Amino acid sequence: MPVSTARTYFTQALKLSHTQGDSLFMANVLSCMSLLATYDGNPSDAVALACRAQDAVRAAGEQPLVMSMLHLREAFAHAALRDAQACHQAVDRSRAEYERSRGHEAEAPDWVQYFDETKLLVDTGIAYARLGEPARAEPLIAEGLRRENTDQQRGRAFHAYWLASAQLQLGKLDEACTSAGLALDLAAAIDSPRVSSHVQELHRRMLPYAREAPVFAFEQRMREALG
């Protein structure tokens, strides 16, 4: 779906939630808009949208699991802005809210039930990878991938890409190419152009190491998979 189309749908959903006075649904829509703004290269807007979502949740009452997820949305945006202090503070708030949510998960809306401890780990790792702190990111994303169900192919494909990105930042070419290969295989299995484009972007970042054996092998594998 084009970004402009998604933005139109989110705007309509936001108006509907406001009309119905549904603060939690409004927070969900604002959360999605924040993530879209981060991916679309508008991290300042993403921070503002995540904070608006948090305000909507506060108006609805105690929802620590939702707040935990929203603080990580905020952390993603701060990471894209390279604001390390704000990113770490948002991550700390996310962890604290997640701990508060333990034992009360059933009280959270259905749309946030996916946000479990595994997702907390891997999203924290992605925030650190975005921030340029790969040593912190790698073990968290790797552990998240280890815990995830194998049938969660779309999420695993995206997470494998971020693991490869962190490993490449660390200069771990063998590991990065292995993780990128996993992302490539999963992207092909689910026919995901988005993940495939991420893998191609990662390959471009590997070009300075094009003569290294693992990078050369990965390039051949990528050409066969993506044509």
Protein backbone atom coordinates (compact mmCIF):
# COMPACT_ATOMS: atom_id res chain seq x y z
CA MET A 1 0.00 0.00 0.00
CA PRO A 2 1.43 3.44 -0.95
CA VAL A 3 2.39 5.65 1.99
CA SER A 4 -0.05 8.37 0.86
CA THR A 5 -2.93 5.88 0.82
CA ALA A 6 -2.05 4.56 4.26
CA ARG A 7 -1.85 8.09 5.61
CA THR A 8 -5.31 8.86 4.20
CA TYR A 9 -6.82 5.78 5.86
CA PHE A 10 -5.15 6.60 9.18
CA THR A 11 -6.47 10.16 9.05
CA GLN A 12 -10.00 8.88 8.44
CA ALA A 13 -9.66 6.38 11.29
CA LEU A 14 -8.39 9.13 13.59
CA LYS A 15 -11.44 11.28 12.83
CA LEU A 16 -13.72 8.30 13.48
CA SER A 17 -12.08 7.52 16.83
CA HIS A 18 -12.40 11.18 17.85
CA THR A 19 -16.08 11.24 16.87
CA GLN A 20 -16.77 8.11 18.90
CA GLY A 21 -14.68 9.27 21.85
CA ASP A 22 -12.63 6.08 21.77
CA SER A 23 -9.29 7.15 23.28
CA LEU A 24 -7.66 3.71 23.05
CA PHE A 25 -8.53 3.29 19.38
CA MET A 26 -7.21 6.81 18.80
CA ALA A 27 -3.95 5.79 20.48
CA ASN A 28 -3.69 2.75 18.22
CA VAL A 29 -4.14 4.87 15.09
CA LEU A 30 -1.64 7.49 16.31
CA SER A 31 0.83 4.70 17.08
CA CYS A 32 0.58 3.41 13.51
CA MET A 33 0.97 6.94 12.17
CA SER A 34 4.07 7.42 14.32
CA LEU A 35 5.67 4.27 12.95
CA LEU A 36 4.79 5.30 9.39
CA ALA A 37 6.36 8.73 9.95
CA THR A 38 9.56 7.09 11.23
CA TYR A 39 9.81 4.86 8.16
CA ASP A 40 8.90 7.78 5.90
CA GLY A 41 11.80 9.88 7.17
CA ASN A 42 9.82 12.24 9.41
CA PRO A 43 11.08 11.33 12.89
CA SER A 44 10.11 14.66 14.50
CA ASP A 45 6.50 14.05 13.45
CA ALA A 46 6.85 10.48 14.70
CA VAL A 47 7.85 11.67 18.18
CA ALA A 48 4.90 14.06 18.33
CA LEU A 49 2.45 11.37 17.20
CA ALA A 50 3.76 8.84 19.74
CA CYS A 51 3.40 11.41 22.52
CA ARG A 52 -0.14 12.24 21.40
CA ALA A 53 -0.93 8.53 21.53
CA GLN A 54 0.41 8.35 25.08
CA ASP A 55 -1.78 11.30 26.09
CA ALA A 56 -4.81 9.51 24.62
CA VAL A 57 -4.04 6.41 26.69
CA ARG A 58 -3.66 8.45 29.87
CA ALA A 59 -7.12 9.87 29.19
CA ALA A 60 -8.48 6.31 28.92
CA GLY A 61 -7.03 5.11 32.22
CA GLU A 62 -4.45 2.52 33.29
CA GLN A 63 -3.07 0.65 30.28
CA PRO A 64 0.59 -0.16 31.01
CA LEU A 65 1.00 -2.66 28.14
CA VAL A 66 -0.21 -0.10 25.61
CA MET A 67 2.07 2.53 27.15
CA SER A 68 5.03 0.15 26.95
CA MET A 69 4.49 -0.30 23.22
CA LEU A 70 4.01 3.44 22.69
CA HIS A 71 7.20 4.36 24.51
CA LEU A 72 9.09 2.09 22.11
CA ARG A 73 7.41 3.83 19.16
CA GLU A 74 8.77 7.03 20.65
CA ALA A 75 12.20 5.43 21.09
CA PHE A 76 12.27 4.47 17.38
CA ALA A 77 11.68 8.09 16.44
CA HIS A 78 14.30 9.46 18.84
CA ALA A 79 16.77 6.89 17.47
CA ALA A 80 16.11 8.10 13.92
CA LEU A 81 16.86 11.63 15.19
CA ARG A 82 20.07 10.29 16.78
CA ASP A 83 18.92 11.61 20.15
CA ALA A 84 20.56 9.00 22.36
CA GLN A 85 19.43 10.40 25.70
CA ALA A 86 15.77 10.65 24.69
CA CYS A 87 15.88 7.21 23.08
CA HIS A 88 17.31 5.54 26.20
CA GLN A 89 14.80 7.32 28.42
CA ALA A 90 11.91 6.12 26.25
CA VAL A 91 13.28 2.56 26.33
CA ASP A 92 13.53 2.71 30.13
CA ARG A 93 9.94 3.91 30.36
CA SER A 94 8.84 1.11 28.06
CA ARG A 95 10.50 -1.53 30.23
CA ALA A 96 9.02 -0.04 33.41
CA GLU A 97 5.51 -0.03 31.93
CA TYR A 98 5.94 -3.59 30.70
CA GLU A 99 6.84 -4.73 34.21
CA ARG A 100 3.72 -2.97 35.51
CA SER A 101 1.62 -4.81 32.93
CA ARG A 102 2.63 -8.30 34.10
CA GLY A 103 -0.39 -10.21 35.31
CA HIS A 104 -2.76 -7.70 33.73
CA GLU A 105 -2.23 -8.53 30.04
CA ALA A 106 -5.83 -9.69 29.64
CA GLU A 107 -7.01 -6.18 30.51
CA ALA A 108 -5.22 -4.73 27.48
CA PRO A 109 -6.95 -4.24 24.10
CA ASP A 110 -6.75 -7.09 21.61
CA TRP A 111 -4.67 -5.02 19.19
CA VAL A 112 -1.74 -4.78 21.61
CA GLN A 113 -1.74 -8.42 22.76
CA TYR A 114 1.05 -9.18 20.27
CA PHE A 115 3.38 -7.00 22.37
CA ASP A 116 4.93 -9.62 24.63
CA GLU A 117 8.37 -9.86 26.23
CA THR A 118 9.88 -11.21 23.01
CA LYS A 119 8.58 -8.23 21.06
CA LEU A 120 9.85 -5.89 23.78
CA LEU A 121 13.32 -7.39 23.43
CA VAL A 122 13.51 -7.28 19.66
CA ASP A 123 12.00 -3.79 19.34
CA THR A 124 14.43 -2.47 21.95
CA GLY A 125 17.23 -3.99 19.88
CA ILE A 126 15.90 -2.33 16.72
CA ALA A 127 15.79 1.03 18.50
CA TYR A 128 19.44 0.60 19.48
CA ALA A 129 20.37 -0.46 15.94
CA ARG A 130 18.66 2.67 14.57
CA LEU A 131 20.54 4.73 17.13
CA GLY A 132 23.89 3.33 15.99
CA GLU A 133 24.54 1.19 19.09
CA PRO A 134 24.93 -2.25 17.44
CA ALA A 135 26.72 -3.88 20.39
CA ARG A 136 23.59 -3.36 22.48
CA ALA A 137 21.26 -4.20 19.61
CA GLU A 138 22.69 -7.51 18.40
CA PRO A 139 22.08 -9.75 21.45
CA LEU A 140 18.56 -8.42 21.96
CA ILE A 141 17.46 -8.97 18.36
CA ALA A 142 19.18 -12.37 18.24
CA GLU A 143 17.37 -13.47 21.40
CA GLY A 144 14.08 -12.19 20.03
CA LEU A 145 14.56 -14.19 16.83
CA ARG A 146 15.45 -17.27 18.87
CA ARG A 147 12.23 -16.99 20.86
CA GLU A 148 9.87 -16.16 18.01
CA ASN A 149 7.61 -18.81 16.53
CA THR A 150 8.81 -19.98 13.13
CA ASP A 151 5.38 -19.31 11.64
CA GLN A 152 5.81 -15.56 12.30
CA GLN A 153 7.60 -15.24 8.99
CA ARG A 154 6.93 -11.59 8.22
CA GLY A 155 8.13 -10.39 11.61
CA ARG A 156 11.11 -12.74 11.55
CA ALA A 157 12.12 -11.50 8.10
CA PHE A 158 12.15 -7.90 9.28
CA HIS A 159 13.96 -8.80 12.50
CA ALA A 160 16.58 -10.85 10.62
CA TYR A 161 17.27 -7.78 8.49
CA TRP A 162 17.83 -5.66 11.60
CA LEU A 163 20.08 -8.32 13.11
CA ALA A 164 22.15 -8.34 9.91
CA SER A 165 22.29 -4.55 10.00
CA ALA A 166 23.62 -4.54 13.56
CA GLN A 167 26.15 -7.26 12.75
CA LEU A 168 27.35 -5.35 9.71
CA GLN A 169 27.85 -2.25 11.86
CA LEU A 170 29.99 -4.42 14.14
CA GLY A 171 32.07 -5.68 11.20
CA LYS A 172 30.82 -9.26 11.61
CA LEU A 173 30.58 -10.08 7.91
CA ASP A 174 29.96 -13.82 8.24
CA GLU A 175 27.15 -13.34 10.76
CA ALA A 176 25.68 -10.40 8.85
CA CYS A 177 25.52 -12.38 5.62
CA THR A 178 23.96 -15.36 7.39
CA SER A 179 21.27 -13.15 8.97
CA ALA A 180 20.71 -11.32 5.69
CA GLY A 181 20.31 -14.70 3.99
CA LEU A 182 17.61 -15.63 6.50
CA ALA A 183 15.82 -12.35 5.83
CA LEU A 184 16.09 -13.01 2.10
CA ASP A 185 14.65 -16.52 2.39
CA LEU A 186 11.76 -15.37 4.56
CA ALA A 187 11.05 -12.40 2.29
CA ALA A 188 10.86 -14.74 -0.70
CA ALA A 189 8.57 -17.13 1.18
CA ILE A 190 6.06 -14.40 2.06
CA ASP A 191 6.61 -12.36 -1.14
CA SER A 192 7.46 -9.18 0.77
CA PRO A 193 8.76 -6.37 -1.48
CA ARG A 194 9.37 -4.23 1.61
CA VAL A 195 11.76 -6.69 3.25
CA SER A 196 13.38 -7.45 -0.12
CA SER A 197 14.12 -3.74 -0.57
CA HIS A 198 15.64 -3.62 2.91
CA VAL A 199 17.89 -6.57 2.04
CA GLN A 200 18.96 -4.86 -1.19
CA GLU A 201 19.78 -1.70 0.79
CA LEU A 202 21.82 -3.81 3.18
CA HIS A 203 23.70 -5.33 0.24
CA ARG A 204 24.61 -1.83 -0.97
CA ARG A 205 26.12 -1.17 2.46
CA MET A 206 28.21 -4.32 1.99
CA LEU A 207 29.78 -3.11 -1.27
CA PRO A 208 33.03 -1.96 0.39
CA TYR A 209 33.53 -5.63 1.33
CA ALA A 210 32.44 -7.03 -2.06
CA ARG A 211 35.60 -9.12 -2.45
CA GLU A 212 35.13 -10.87 0.89
CA ALA A 213 33.92 -14.46 0.46
CA PRO A 214 30.73 -14.25 2.59
CA VAL A 215 29.62 -11.03 0.88
CA PHE A 216 30.31 -12.45 -2.59
CA ALA A 217 28.32 -15.59 -1.75
CA PHE A 218 25.45 -13.54 -0.37
CA GLU A 219 25.36 -11.38 -3.50
CA GLN A 220 25.06 -14.49 -5.69
CA ARG A 221 22.30 -15.82 -3.46
CA MET A 222 20.46 -12.51 -3.58
CA ARG A 223 20.61 -12.34 -7.37
CA GLU A 224 19.20 -15.84 -7.65
CA ALA A 225 16.40 -15.08 -5.18
CA LEU A 226 15.43 -11.63 -6.47
CA GLY A 227 16.32 -12.01 -10.12
